[in-house]
Amino acid sequence: AIMLWRPHHLIQVRTSFDFLSKRKLALVASTVINVLSLAGVFIFGLNFGIDFEGGIAIQVRAKQGTIHLEELRSTVGALHVGEVSLQEFGDASSALIRVQRQEGGTQCVANADNVLKRRAGNGWAVKPGAAGTGDVEFTAPSALDAVGWRDAVSRVGLTVQERQLPRGSVNTAKVEMTPEQRAEWCQQVAIKLVEDTIGNKYELRGTESVGPKIGDELMRNGVLAIVATLVAIAIYVWFRFEWQFGVGALVALLHDVISTVGLFVVLHLDFSLTALAALLTIAGYSINDTVVIFDRVRENMRRYKKMGLIELLNFSINETLARTLMTSGTMFVAVLALVLFGGPVLYSFSIAMLWGVFVGTYSSIWIASATLVYLNLRPEQLRQDEEKAEKAKA
């Protein structure tokens, strides 16, 4: 006997769920979520990472045994470098130390004085220059030439042009800087201070320093990238289909992005460049699912000329439901693996993507499609436009 292989369907081929009957409930729920998300951003704010806020990230590893976070937090917190946060990084013997952005005030100069004395010995001193400037004045225990001064200031993280240093042999030197330049330099001072303090027990594996100016630029460029992406996607859908489809896609994308930002507020996740990457990825994933449904809607509008819009939308969503759930399920499993095994660096990205898989599927069905109903899309309008186009070609 010949046995024929019959494919097994995890999802019924022909479903008949009435999705659009729940569109008002979905609209209310989505509106509440988005309003609360925006309110959370303005009231509580985002937990900006070093990429945007500026500051220092130092990866350390215990030379022996495991990391004692409380002891390390107490040691680094006593250095007068501002707010400090610690977390395990990868394994129990490694940690990530985050230090807030250094402002470049007198405390920073005092820290530089401390570092220079540790690294060059007593007799050295660092003090701020004239008020309103970022100048820093160095004092040596004996007269030094330009080469000696370059070596001295490099001990506290300064790289200066030779013309800024005295040409003769003197025991005092002034390095001219703007307040912004001194704030950037203070980042390096803080790194060296932490290194000198914990270097006997911990090995520095890597450092990352972002100044306030760079952080502001990254934030501005990141927001522009998200806005440009959403607008470009909406324009593409508009030209690919009709203007109602473009508006529906844009509303769904805004819903996905705003609700994901709200997730960052609720879970207090780090909002960094990887978070922006997650938002852009979610937008791409969501529009892919939306376009599949829209394409089937448009196809059915030509095929079933007497079918009402809500019935046609439900029919189209059910036709693509198996594909949607299989794609979402596969994506969910892949992202779940990142959440469980991706480590702290990818944690914010992974959690956001996990939410994005759910909300992107939800918005394609209950937001993008439902928007077509409220925009009064008419199947006969599409057919009239196509008939005019065909007559024009003839």
Protein backbone atom coordinates (compact mmCIF):
# COMPACT_ATOMS: atom_id res chain seq x y z
CA ALA A 1 0.00 0.00 0.00
CA ILE A 2 1.19 3.45 -0.85
CA MET A 3 1.15 5.82 2.11
CA LEU A 4 0.75 9.48 1.25
CA TRP A 5 2.35 12.05 3.53
CA ARG A 6 -0.22 14.42 4.89
CA PRO A 7 1.16 17.69 6.24
CA HIS A 8 0.39 18.51 9.86
CA HIS A 9 -1.02 21.97 10.44
CA LEU A 10 -0.26 23.54 13.79
CA ILE A 11 -2.86 26.19 12.98
CA GLN A 12 -6.15 25.52 11.25
CA VAL A 13 -5.93 26.46 7.58
CA ARG A 14 -9.30 28.21 7.47
CA THR A 15 -10.12 30.22 10.58
CA SER A 16 -13.02 32.59 10.98
CA PHE A 17 -12.22 34.78 13.97
CA ASP A 18 -14.11 38.07 14.16
CA PHE A 19 -11.12 40.28 14.96
CA LEU A 20 -12.64 43.62 13.99
CA SER A 21 -15.57 43.24 16.40
CA LYS A 22 -13.03 43.93 19.18
CA ARG A 23 -11.60 47.02 17.48
CA LYS A 24 -13.15 49.53 19.93
CA LEU A 25 -11.86 47.63 22.95
CA ALA A 26 -8.43 47.41 21.32
CA LEU A 27 -8.51 51.13 20.53
CA VAL A 28 -9.30 52.04 24.14
CA ALA A 29 -6.64 49.68 25.55
CA SER A 30 -3.99 50.89 23.10
CA THR A 31 -4.81 54.55 23.76
CA VAL A 32 -4.50 54.04 27.51
CA ILE A 33 -1.17 52.22 27.12
CA ASN A 34 0.27 54.92 24.87
CA VAL A 35 -0.95 57.80 27.05
CA LEU A 36 0.53 56.14 30.16
CA SER A 37 3.78 55.50 28.27
CA LEU A 38 4.13 59.15 27.30
CA ALA A 39 3.16 60.27 30.81
CA GLY A 40 5.79 57.92 32.26
CA VAL A 41 8.47 59.41 30.02
CA PHE A 42 7.65 62.98 31.11
CA ILE A 43 7.07 62.18 34.80
CA PHE A 44 9.66 59.51 35.57
CA GLY A 45 11.97 59.85 32.58
CA LEU A 46 13.99 57.24 30.76
CA ASN A 47 16.97 55.49 32.30
CA PHE A 48 19.43 56.87 29.78
CA GLY A 49 22.58 54.84 29.32
CA ILE A 50 26.05 56.27 28.96
CA ASP A 51 25.54 56.58 25.19
CA PHE A 52 23.11 59.47 25.75
CA GLU A 53 23.57 60.68 29.30
CA GLY A 54 27.34 60.71 29.11
CA GLY A 55 29.56 59.14 31.72
CA ILE A 56 31.89 56.22 32.15
CA ALA A 57 31.51 52.46 31.91
CA ILE A 58 34.38 50.37 33.29
CA GLN A 59 34.52 46.61 32.94
CA VAL A 60 36.52 44.97 35.75
CA ARG A 61 37.42 41.43 36.66
CA ALA A 62 38.52 40.14 40.06
CA LYS A 63 42.11 38.94 40.04
CA GLN A 64 41.08 36.25 42.52
CA GLY A 65 37.70 34.81 43.44
CA THR A 66 34.41 36.54 42.75
CA ILE A 67 33.22 40.13 42.69
CA HIS A 68 31.94 41.56 45.98
CA LEU A 69 29.56 44.20 44.65
CA GLU A 70 28.77 45.90 47.96
CA GLU A 71 32.44 46.27 48.88
CA LEU A 72 33.28 47.52 45.39
CA ARG A 73 30.35 49.96 45.42
CA SER A 74 31.46 51.36 48.77
CA THR A 75 35.07 51.77 47.57
CA VAL A 76 34.21 53.51 44.30
CA GLY A 77 31.42 55.55 45.85
CA ALA A 78 33.91 57.14 48.27
CA LEU A 79 35.97 58.61 45.41
CA HIS A 80 33.72 61.68 44.94
CA VAL A 81 33.04 60.92 41.28
CA GLY A 82 29.26 61.20 41.57
CA GLU A 83 26.60 58.53 41.31
CA VAL A 84 27.93 55.00 40.86
CA SER A 85 26.06 51.85 39.86
CA LEU A 86 27.38 48.31 39.58
CA GLN A 87 26.14 45.05 38.13
CA GLU A 88 27.57 41.64 37.41
CA PHE A 89 28.86 41.43 33.88
CA GLY A 90 28.82 37.99 32.30
CA ASP A 91 29.94 35.95 35.33
CA ALA A 92 30.39 36.22 39.08
CA SER A 93 34.01 37.39 38.78
CA SER A 94 33.27 40.35 36.46
CA ALA A 95 31.39 43.59 36.97
CA LEU A 96 30.38 46.70 35.08
CA ILE A 97 30.93 49.97 36.94
CA ARG A 98 28.91 52.94 35.70
CA VAL A 99 29.92 56.40 36.81
CA GLN A 100 27.85 59.48 36.09
CA ARG A 101 28.99 62.19 33.71
CA GLN A 102 31.75 64.36 35.15
CA GLU A 103 30.91 68.07 35.09
CA GLY A 104 34.43 69.49 35.18
CA GLY A 105 34.15 71.40 38.45
CA THR A 106 36.61 71.87 41.29
CA GLN A 107 36.02 68.32 42.56
CA CYS A 108 37.34 66.98 39.28
CA VAL A 109 40.51 69.06 39.62
CA ALA A 110 40.92 67.81 43.19
CA ASN A 111 40.61 64.25 41.88
CA ALA A 112 43.26 65.01 39.26
CA ASP A 113 45.53 66.32 42.03
CA ASN A 114 45.00 63.06 43.91
CA VAL A 115 45.82 60.97 40.81
CA LEU A 116 48.94 62.97 39.98
CA LYS A 117 50.28 62.65 43.52
CA ARG A 118 49.71 58.88 43.42
CA ARG A 119 51.37 58.48 40.05
CA ALA A 120 54.18 61.05 40.26
CA GLY A 121 54.74 61.46 44.00
CA ASN A 122 54.33 64.25 46.54
CA GLY A 123 55.28 67.76 45.55
CA TRP A 124 52.96 67.75 42.57
CA ALA A 125 49.77 69.80 42.57
CA VAL A 126 46.87 70.55 40.26
CA LYS A 127 44.47 73.47 40.68
CA PRO A 128 41.87 75.19 38.52
CA GLY A 129 42.79 78.26 36.50
CA ALA A 130 40.96 81.55 36.22
CA ALA A 131 37.23 81.56 36.95
CA GLY A 132 35.02 81.13 33.89
CA THR A 133 37.61 79.12 32.00
CA GLY A 134 38.52 75.45 31.88
CA ASP A 135 42.20 76.14 32.44
CA VAL A 136 44.20 73.89 34.74
CA GLU A 137 47.48 74.85 36.45
CA PHE A 138 50.14 72.28 37.34
CA THR A 139 52.94 72.63 39.84
CA ALA A 140 56.00 70.36 39.85
CA PRO A 141 58.45 69.82 42.74
CA SER A 142 61.25 71.02 40.44
CA ALA A 143 61.68 72.80 37.12
CA LEU A 144 60.73 70.81 33.99
CA ASP A 145 61.14 71.38 30.27
CA ALA A 146 58.35 70.82 27.69
CA VAL A 147 59.08 67.10 27.41
CA GLY A 148 58.85 66.66 31.16
CA TRP A 149 55.57 68.58 31.29
CA ARG A 150 54.04 66.47 28.51
CA ASP A 151 54.88 63.34 30.48
CA ALA A 152 53.46 64.86 33.67
CA VAL A 153 50.09 65.91 32.28
CA SER A 154 49.69 62.58 30.45
CA ARG A 155 49.63 60.89 33.86
CA VAL A 156 46.22 62.46 34.45
CA GLY A 157 44.85 61.79 30.98
CA LEU A 158 45.71 65.06 29.22
CA THR A 159 46.96 65.13 25.65
CA VAL A 160 47.91 68.71 24.82
CA GLN A 161 49.70 70.46 22.03
CA GLU A 162 53.29 71.42 22.70
CA ARG A 163 52.55 75.14 22.24
CA GLN A 164 50.33 75.04 25.31
CA LEU A 165 53.23 74.06 27.56
CA PRO A 166 56.06 76.32 28.73
CA ARG A 167 59.10 76.35 26.48
CA GLY A 168 61.58 77.09 29.21
CA SER A 169 62.45 75.06 32.29
CA VAL A 170 59.92 76.05 34.96
CA ASN A 171 58.07 74.39 37.83
CA THR A 172 54.57 75.70 36.96
CA ALA A 173 52.55 75.25 33.79
CA LYS A 174 49.08 76.17 32.64
CA VAL A 175 47.02 74.11 30.21
CA GLU A 176 44.35 76.17 28.48
CA MET A 177 40.98 74.47 28.00
CA THR A 178 37.37 75.47 27.53
CA PRO A 179 34.91 74.33 30.24
CA GLU A 180 33.60 71.70 27.79
CA GLN A 181 37.12 70.38 27.17
CA ARG A 182 37.77 70.17 30.89
CA ALA A 183 34.54 68.21 31.37
CA GLU A 184 35.73 65.74 28.71
CA TRP A 185 39.11 65.48 30.45
CA CYS A 186 37.43 64.84 33.79
CA GLN A 187 36.04 61.59 32.36
CA GLN A 188 39.62 60.32 31.97
CA VAL A 189 40.54 61.57 35.43
CA ALA A 190 37.70 59.54 36.95
CA ILE A 191 38.80 56.41 35.07
CA LYS A 192 42.38 56.75 36.32
CA LEU A 193 41.18 57.42 39.87
CA VAL A 194 39.05 54.26 39.85
CA GLU A 195 41.92 52.28 38.35
CA ASP A 196 44.39 53.48 41.01
CA THR A 197 41.94 52.74 43.83
CA ILE A 198 40.86 49.20 42.91
CA GLY A 199 43.83 48.11 40.78
CA ASN A 200 45.31 45.89 43.49
CA LYS A 201 42.24 43.61 43.50
CA TYR A 202 40.64 44.14 40.10
CA GLU A 203 41.84 44.14 36.52
CA LEU A 204 40.35 46.70 34.13
CA ARG A 205 39.11 44.87 31.02
CA GLY A 206 37.75 47.84 29.11
CA THR A 207 36.50 51.39 29.49
CA GLU A 208 33.97 53.52 27.64
CA SER A 209 33.68 57.26 28.06
CA VAL A 210 31.07 59.51 26.49
CA GLY A 211 31.05 63.24 27.04
CA PRO A 212 27.89 65.36 27.31
CA LYS A 213 28.32 66.86 23.83
CA ILE A 214 28.64 63.47 22.15
CA GLY A 215 25.70 62.11 24.16
CA ASP A 216 23.47 64.99 23.02
CA GLU A 217 24.47 64.42 19.39
CA LEU A 218 23.75 60.70 19.62
CA MET A 219 20.34 61.34 21.14
CA ARG A 220 19.42 63.91 18.50
CA ASN A 221 20.59 61.71 15.64
CA GLY A 222 18.84 58.68 17.12
CA VAL A 223 15.50 60.48 17.38
CA LEU A 224 15.87 61.78 13.83
CA ALA A 225 16.62 58.25 12.62
CA ILE A 226 13.42 56.90 14.21
CA VAL A 227 11.26 59.74 12.86
CA ALA A 228 12.78 59.42 9.38
CA THR A 229 12.20 55.67 9.41
CA LEU A 230 8.54 55.98 10.40
CA VAL A 231 7.87 58.67 7.80
CA ALA A 232 9.69 56.72 5.06
CA ILE A 233 7.71 53.57 5.84
CA ALA A 234 4.41 55.48 5.82
CA ILE A 235 5.28 57.08 2.46
CA TYR A 236 6.21 53.69 1.01
CA VAL A 237 2.91 52.14 2.11
CA TRP A 238 1.02 55.21 0.84
CA PHE A 239 2.48 54.84 -2.66
CA ARG A 240 2.33 51.05 -2.58
CA PHE A 241 -1.35 51.01 -1.65
CA GLU A 242 -3.66 53.98 -0.94
CA TRP A 243 -3.35 56.87 1.51
CA GLN A 244 -5.62 55.13 4.04
CA PHE A 245 -3.17 52.23 4.20
CA GLY A 246 -0.28 54.65 4.74
CA VAL A 247 -2.03 56.35 7.64
CA GLY A 248 -2.98 52.98 9.14
CA ALA A 249 0.63 51.77 8.95
CA LEU A 250 1.92 54.98 10.54
CA VAL A 251 -0.59 54.79 13.41
CA ALA A 252 0.39 51.17 14.08
CA LEU A 253 4.12 52.00 14.02
CA LEU A 254 3.68 54.93 16.40
CA HIS A 255 1.71 52.65 18.71
CA ASP A 256 4.52 50.06 18.69
CA VAL A 257 7.31 52.58 19.27
CA ILE A 258 5.53 54.52 22.04
CA SER A 259 4.43 51.37 23.90
CA THR A 260 7.99 50.01 23.71
CA VAL A 261 9.35 53.24 25.16
CA GLY A 262 6.80 52.83 27.94
CA LEU A 263 8.21 49.37 28.60
CA PHE A 264 11.64 50.94 29.14
CA VAL A 265 10.11 53.28 31.72
CA VAL A 266 8.21 50.55 33.59
CA LEU A 267 11.12 48.09 33.73
CA HIS A 268 13.74 50.82 34.19
CA LEU A 269 15.80 49.39 31.34
CA ASP A 270 18.88 51.18 30.04
CA PHE A 271 17.92 53.38 27.10
CA SER A 272 21.03 53.38 24.92
CA LEU A 273 21.99 52.96 21.27
CA THR A 274 20.96 49.31 21.46
CA ALA A 275 17.51 50.48 22.60
CA LEU A 276 17.24 52.66 19.50
CA ALA A 277 18.30 49.67 17.41
CA ALA A 278 15.49 47.68 19.04
CA LEU A 279 12.92 50.40 18.22
CA LEU A 280 14.01 50.47 14.57
CA THR A 281 13.98 46.68 14.38
CA ILE A 282 10.49 46.52 15.89
CA ALA A 283 9.27 49.08 13.34
CA GLY A 284 10.69 46.97 10.51
CA TYR A 285 9.22 43.76 11.88
CA SER A 286 5.81 45.34 12.45
CA ILE A 287 5.52 46.89 8.99
CA ASN A 288 6.50 43.60 7.38
CA ASP A 289 3.53 41.90 9.02
CA THR A 290 1.24 44.84 8.27
CA VAL A 291 2.15 44.90 4.57
CA VAL A 292 1.38 41.18 4.25
CA ILE A 293 -2.13 41.76 5.64
CA PHE A 294 -2.64 44.93 3.57
CA ASP A 295 -1.59 43.13 0.42
CA ARG A 296 -4.14 40.39 1.05
CA VAL A 297 -6.80 43.02 1.82
CA ARG A 298 -6.18 44.77 -1.47
CA GLU A 299 -6.19 41.50 -3.36
CA ASN A 300 -9.51 40.49 -1.81
CA MET A 301 -11.01 43.90 -2.55
CA ARG A 302 -10.61 43.08 -6.23
CA ARG A 303 -11.80 39.50 -5.86
CA TYR A 304 -14.86 39.90 -3.63
CA LYS A 305 -16.62 42.95 -5.00
CA LYS A 306 -19.79 42.65 -2.92
CA MET A 307 -18.17 41.91 0.44
CA GLY A 308 -18.37 44.61 3.14
CA LEU A 309 -15.19 46.19 4.45
CA ILE A 310 -15.26 44.72 7.98
CA GLU A 311 -16.07 41.26 6.66
CA LEU A 312 -13.32 41.60 4.05
CA LEU A 313 -10.75 42.70 6.64
CA ASN A 314 -11.63 39.80 8.93
CA PHE A 315 -11.42 37.39 6.00
CA SER A 316 -8.01 38.74 4.95
CA ILE A 317 -6.58 38.61 8.48
CA ASN A 318 -7.77 35.01 8.91
CA GLU A 319 -6.22 34.04 5.58
CA THR A 320 -2.81 35.32 6.71
CA LEU A 321 -3.16 34.26 10.35
CA ALA A 322 -1.20 31.01 10.02
CA ARG A 323 1.70 32.81 8.38
CA THR A 324 1.59 35.59 10.98
CA LEU A 325 1.60 33.26 13.99
CA MET A 326 4.31 31.00 12.60
CA THR A 327 6.55 33.98 11.86
CA SER A 328 5.88 35.54 15.26
CA GLY A 329 6.41 32.22 17.04
CA THR A 330 9.75 31.65 15.36
CA MET A 331 10.85 35.19 16.14
CA PHE A 332 9.70 34.85 19.74
CA VAL A 333 11.78 31.71 20.31
CA ALA A 334 14.88 33.33 18.81
CA VAL A 335 14.53 36.48 20.92
CA LEU A 336 13.76 34.45 24.05
CA ALA A 337 17.14 32.75 23.61
CA LEU A 338 18.75 36.21 23.58
CA VAL A 339 16.92 37.16 26.78
CA LEU A 340 18.06 33.99 28.57
CA PHE A 341 21.61 33.68 27.23
CA GLY A 342 22.53 37.01 25.63
CA GLY A 343 24.01 38.52 28.79
CA PRO A 344 23.67 42.01 30.27
CA VAL A 345 24.90 43.88 27.19
CA LEU A 346 21.96 42.68 25.09
CA TYR A 347 19.39 42.50 27.88
CA SER A 348 17.57 45.77 27.13
CA PHE A 349 17.56 45.02 23.41
CA SER A 350 16.28 41.48 23.96
CA ILE A 351 13.46 42.46 26.33
CA ALA A 352 12.34 45.22 23.96
CA MET A 353 12.37 42.84 21.00
CA LEU A 354 10.40 40.24 22.96
CA TRP A 355 7.72 42.85 23.57
CA GLY A 356 8.03 44.01 19.96
CA VAL A 357 7.16 40.58 18.59
CA PHE A 358 3.89 40.64 20.54
CA VAL A 359 2.94 44.26 20.01
CA GLY A 360 3.92 44.21 16.31
CA THR A 361 1.57 41.29 15.64
CA TYR A 362 -1.18 42.88 17.73
CA SER A 363 -0.95 46.26 16.00
CA SER A 364 -1.03 44.75 12.52
CA ILE A 365 -4.39 43.15 13.30
CA TRP A 366 -6.17 45.52 15.68
CA ILE A 367 -4.54 48.88 14.95
CA ALA A 368 -3.48 49.05 11.30
CA SER A 369 -6.46 47.10 9.98
CA ALA A 370 -8.98 48.78 12.29
CA THR A 371 -7.72 52.20 11.18
CA LEU A 372 -8.95 51.41 7.66
CA VAL A 373 -12.48 51.15 9.06
CA TYR A 374 -12.29 54.53 10.79
CA LEU A 375 -10.78 56.13 7.67
CA ASN A 376 -13.84 54.93 5.73
CA LEU A 377 -11.93 52.93 3.13
CA ARG A 378 -14.33 51.84 0.37
CA PRO A 379 -13.61 48.80 -1.84
CA GLU A 380 -15.50 50.37 -4.75
CA GLN A 381 -13.21 53.41 -4.51
CA LEU A 382 -10.19 51.20 -5.16
CA ARG A 383 -11.93 49.51 -8.09
CA GLN A 384 -12.89 52.86 -9.63
CA ASP A 385 -9.29 54.06 -9.41
CA GLU A 386 -8.06 50.89 -11.11
CA GLU A 387 -10.67 51.18 -13.87
CA LYS A 388 -9.60 54.77 -14.54
CA ALA A 389 -5.96 53.66 -14.71
CA GLU A 390 -6.81 50.88 -17.18
CA LYS A 391 -8.82 53.30 -19.40
CA ALA A 392 -5.92 55.74 -19.33
CA LYS A 393 -3.55 53.02 -20.53
CA ALA A 394 -5.98 52.03 -23.29
